[in-house]
Amino acid sequence: MSGAPPAWYTVRVFTGLVEDLGTVARADRRSDALVLTVRPQAIAPADLALGESVSHDGVCLTVTGTAGDTYAVLAGAETLARTTLGRVRVGTRLNLERALAAGARLGGHLVAGHVDGTGELVARRELGANLVLTFAAAPALLRYVVETGSIAVDGVSLTVNRVDDAGFDVAIIPHTAQHTTLGARRPGDPVNLEVDVIGKYVEKLLGGYRPPGS
């Protein structure tokens, strides 16, 4: 392919820079799946193509239909088991981001939209202009969380300020608090976590060089 890619061409990754806030207008159970009807604020549903990928609180879902000022996506059983989407109700707000267009700037970090697991907000502290949030997470996830590294929390690309065996801290600037759902999070709230995919690939590749039984 030569020249600029067509306007519809996207790669199936995200940047963790939230583009819009959407509100769940309907949440319909269908067997072991959940069909969500979402009303965005800035994204025009008419501009969404069927089959397009959109991140919802960090979960990559496929647009299955549009109608007026809303669009529909379906979350399957595996998605509901691994993420917080099974808890959403009518009125729930979601962080939205369309897939990264080829050739666009990568402002956050590479986010696949494949949530690794959930964590829980355990503390929030106002420190000057910043809001510091402390999240608890399972050891299986924390092994990939490094200080000054990147992590996606509910689809928001953030820098890790501190990490220990129980959890990690991130600092939220006022813009992020106002334009994502993180500013409204309270202790006890669950969140979707996606660790930096590079660390997982490095571990997998190095596994072939380990002595047996190590």
Protein backbone atom coordinates (compact mmCIF):
# COMPACT_ATOMS: atom_id res chain seq x y z
CA MET A 1 0.00 0.00 0.00
CA SER A 2 1.44 3.36 -0.99
CA GLY A 3 0.54 6.85 0.08
CA ALA A 4 -1.75 7.72 3.00
CA PRO A 5 -3.99 4.94 4.37
CA PRO A 6 -7.72 5.23 3.70
CA ALA A 7 -9.74 7.14 6.30
CA TRP A 8 -11.43 3.98 7.60
CA TYR A 9 -8.17 2.12 8.18
CA THR A 10 -7.30 1.66 11.85
CA VAL A 11 -4.99 -0.56 13.84
CA ARG A 12 -6.62 -2.36 16.73
CA VAL A 13 -4.74 -0.59 19.49
CA PHE A 14 -5.44 2.41 21.68
CA THR A 15 -3.33 5.06 23.37
CA GLY A 16 -5.04 5.38 26.76
CA LEU A 17 -5.95 9.01 26.03
CA VAL A 18 -9.69 9.18 26.69
CA GLU A 19 -11.54 10.79 23.80
CA ASP A 20 -15.02 11.09 25.25
CA LEU A 21 -17.32 10.16 28.13
CA GLY A 22 -20.32 8.03 27.29
CA THR A 23 -23.41 7.11 29.31
CA VAL A 24 -25.05 3.70 29.28
CA ALA A 25 -28.57 4.24 27.90
CA ARG A 26 -29.56 0.54 27.96
CA ALA A 27 -28.03 -2.66 29.34
CA ASP A 28 -29.75 -5.78 28.02
CA ARG A 29 -28.81 -9.30 29.12
CA ARG A 30 -28.77 -11.88 26.35
CA SER A 31 -27.94 -15.34 27.66
CA ASP A 32 -24.38 -14.97 29.01
CA ALA A 33 -23.71 -11.70 27.15
CA LEU A 34 -24.55 -8.05 27.75
CA VAL A 35 -25.65 -5.66 25.01
CA LEU A 36 -24.83 -2.06 25.89
CA THR A 37 -26.41 0.95 24.23
CA VAL A 38 -24.07 3.90 24.77
CA ARG A 39 -24.75 7.61 24.34
CA PRO A 40 -21.47 9.50 23.77
CA GLN A 41 -21.06 13.23 24.30
CA ALA A 42 -18.61 14.20 21.55
CA ILE A 43 -18.27 11.15 19.31
CA ALA A 44 -20.98 11.13 16.64
CA PRO A 45 -22.49 7.62 16.39
CA ALA A 46 -23.08 8.23 12.67
CA ASP A 47 -19.29 8.45 12.27
CA LEU A 48 -18.79 4.98 13.74
CA ALA A 49 -18.54 2.14 11.24
CA LEU A 50 -20.07 -1.23 11.98
CA GLY A 51 -17.26 -3.47 13.19
CA GLU A 52 -15.21 -0.54 14.46
CA SER A 53 -13.36 -0.98 17.75
CA VAL A 54 -14.07 1.36 20.67
CA SER A 55 -12.53 1.13 24.14
CA HIS A 56 -15.06 1.26 27.00
CA ASP A 57 -13.31 1.76 30.36
CA GLY A 58 -10.34 0.03 28.77
CA VAL A 59 -12.31 -2.84 27.20
CA CYS A 60 -12.16 -3.15 23.41
CA LEU A 61 -15.68 -3.78 22.07
CA THR A 62 -17.02 -3.90 18.51
CA VAL A 63 -19.71 -1.51 17.31
CA THR A 64 -22.69 -3.62 16.21
CA GLY A 65 -25.20 -0.88 15.40
CA THR A 66 -26.01 2.82 15.58
CA ALA A 67 -29.31 4.63 16.08
CA GLY A 68 -29.70 8.37 16.50
CA ASP A 69 -27.41 9.58 19.26
CA THR A 70 -26.46 6.08 20.48
CA TYR A 71 -24.53 3.02 19.36
CA ALA A 72 -24.54 -0.61 20.50
CA VAL A 73 -21.80 -3.04 21.53
CA LEU A 74 -21.87 -6.58 22.93
CA ALA A 75 -19.75 -7.84 25.83
CA GLY A 76 -19.42 -11.64 25.92
CA ALA A 77 -19.12 -13.96 28.91
CA GLU A 78 -15.30 -13.87 29.01
CA THR A 79 -15.29 -10.08 28.95
CA LEU A 80 -17.85 -9.87 31.74
CA ALA A 81 -15.84 -12.33 33.86
CA ARG A 82 -12.56 -10.42 33.47
CA THR A 83 -13.73 -6.81 33.65
CA THR A 84 -16.07 -4.47 35.49
CA LEU A 85 -18.54 -4.23 32.61
CA GLY A 86 -20.87 -6.77 34.21
CA ARG A 87 -21.54 -4.16 36.91
CA VAL A 88 -22.63 -1.34 34.62
CA ARG A 89 -26.20 -0.06 34.79
CA VAL A 90 -28.26 2.54 32.97
CA GLY A 91 -26.62 5.86 33.75
CA THR A 92 -23.10 4.45 34.24
CA ARG A 93 -20.46 6.67 32.66
CA LEU A 94 -17.70 5.10 30.58
CA ASN A 95 -14.35 6.32 29.28
CA LEU A 96 -14.42 6.07 25.48
CA GLU A 97 -11.60 5.94 22.94
CA ARG A 98 -11.70 4.93 19.30
CA ALA A 99 -8.89 2.76 17.92
CA LEU A 100 -5.69 4.51 16.93
CA ALA A 101 -5.70 5.57 13.28
CA ALA A 102 -2.64 4.59 11.25
CA GLY A 103 -0.17 7.48 11.18
CA ALA A 104 -1.72 9.26 14.18
CA ARG A 105 0.36 10.43 17.13
CA LEU A 106 0.77 7.95 19.99
CA GLY A 107 0.30 10.27 22.95
CA GLY A 108 -0.09 7.75 25.80
CA HIS A 109 1.23 4.19 25.48
CA LEU A 110 0.23 1.11 23.50
CA VAL A 111 -3.01 -0.20 24.98
CA ALA A 112 -4.59 -3.33 23.51
CA GLY A 113 -8.00 -2.97 25.12
CA HIS A 114 -7.58 -6.50 26.52
CA VAL A 115 -8.04 -6.11 30.26
CA ASP A 116 -5.70 -8.28 32.36
CA GLY A 117 -7.85 -8.13 35.48
CA THR A 118 -9.54 -5.81 37.93
CA GLY A 119 -8.19 -3.83 40.85
CA GLU A 120 -9.78 -1.77 43.60
CA LEU A 121 -9.32 1.83 44.63
CA VAL A 122 -8.26 1.76 48.28
CA ALA A 123 -7.30 5.39 48.90
CA ARG A 124 -7.48 8.86 47.35
CA ARG A 125 -5.50 11.88 48.53
CA GLU A 126 -5.58 15.49 47.38
CA LEU A 127 -1.99 16.66 47.09
CA GLY A 128 -1.93 20.19 45.74
CA ALA A 129 -2.98 20.14 42.10
CA ASN A 130 -2.76 16.36 41.89
CA LEU A 131 -5.14 13.64 43.03
CA VAL A 132 -3.16 10.59 44.15
CA LEU A 133 -5.02 7.30 43.80
CA THR A 134 -3.89 4.03 45.39
CA PHE A 135 -5.09 0.80 43.82
CA ALA A 136 -4.88 -2.74 45.17
CA ALA A 137 -4.24 -5.50 42.65
CA ALA A 138 -3.40 -9.20 42.56
CA PRO A 139 0.27 -10.29 42.63
CA ALA A 140 -0.18 -11.83 39.17
CA LEU A 141 -0.73 -8.30 37.81
CA LEU A 142 1.64 -6.40 40.08
CA ARG A 143 4.61 -8.41 38.79
CA TYR A 144 4.29 -6.37 35.58
CA VAL A 145 3.82 -2.99 37.29
CA VAL A 146 7.03 -0.98 37.63
CA GLU A 147 7.73 2.44 39.09
CA THR A 148 7.59 5.17 36.39
CA GLY A 149 6.17 2.57 34.00
CA SER A 150 2.82 2.77 32.24
CA ILE A 151 -0.51 1.19 33.16
CA ALA A 152 -4.05 1.62 31.87
CA VAL A 153 -6.70 2.13 34.57
CA ASP A 154 -10.24 2.05 33.16
CA GLY A 155 -8.64 2.76 29.80
CA VAL A 156 -6.66 5.80 31.00
CA SER A 157 -2.91 5.78 30.34
CA LEU A 158 -1.15 6.61 33.60
CA THR A 159 2.37 6.63 35.03
CA VAL A 160 3.04 4.52 38.11
CA ASN A 161 4.43 6.66 40.93
CA ARG A 162 4.92 3.88 43.50
CA VAL A 163 4.43 0.13 43.63
CA ASP A 164 4.73 -2.53 46.34
CA ASP A 165 3.45 -6.05 46.96
CA ALA A 166 -0.08 -4.85 47.64
CA GLY A 167 -0.74 -2.17 45.03
CA PHE A 168 0.41 0.97 43.30
CA ASP A 169 -0.08 4.76 43.22
CA VAL A 170 -0.83 7.06 40.31
CA ALA A 171 -1.21 10.85 40.25
CA ILE A 172 -4.17 12.36 38.39
CA ILE A 173 -3.87 15.92 37.06
CA PRO A 174 -6.99 18.13 37.09
CA HIS A 175 -7.59 17.69 33.34
CA THR A 176 -7.67 13.89 33.70
CA ALA A 177 -9.92 14.08 36.75
CA GLN A 178 -12.40 16.29 34.88
CA HIS A 179 -12.41 14.48 31.54
CA THR A 180 -12.44 10.84 32.68
CA THR A 181 -14.33 8.84 35.28
CA LEU A 182 -11.29 8.58 37.56
CA GLY A 183 -12.01 11.85 39.33
CA ALA A 184 -15.30 10.42 40.60
CA ARG A 185 -13.87 7.11 41.82
CA ARG A 186 -14.18 6.38 45.55
CA PRO A 187 -12.46 3.79 47.77
CA GLY A 188 -14.02 0.41 47.16
CA ASP A 189 -14.71 1.03 43.47
CA PRO A 190 -13.41 -1.68 41.10
CA VAL A 191 -11.40 -0.70 38.03
CA ASN A 192 -10.13 -2.41 34.89
CA LEU A 193 -6.36 -2.82 34.67
CA GLU A 194 -4.20 -3.48 31.64
CA VAL A 195 -0.49 -3.76 32.33
CA ASP A 196 2.17 -2.78 29.82
CA VAL A 197 2.03 -5.46 27.12
CA ILE A 198 5.78 -5.21 26.45
CA GLY A 199 6.60 -6.71 29.85
CA LYS A 200 4.37 -9.71 29.20
CA TYR A 201 5.99 -10.39 25.83
CA VAL A 202 9.50 -10.08 27.29
CA GLU A 203 8.64 -12.57 30.04
CA LYS A 204 7.17 -15.02 27.50
CA LEU A 205 10.19 -14.81 25.21
CA LEU A 206 12.72 -15.15 28.02
CA GLY A 207 10.86 -18.19 29.35
CA GLY A 208 12.50 -20.32 26.67
CA TYR A 209 15.95 -19.54 28.10
CA ARG A 210 15.21 -20.57 31.68
CA PRO A 211 16.79 -23.75 32.99
CA PRO A 212 14.20 -26.51 33.58
CA GLY A 213 12.54 -26.18 36.99
CA SER A 214 13.70 -22.59 37.55
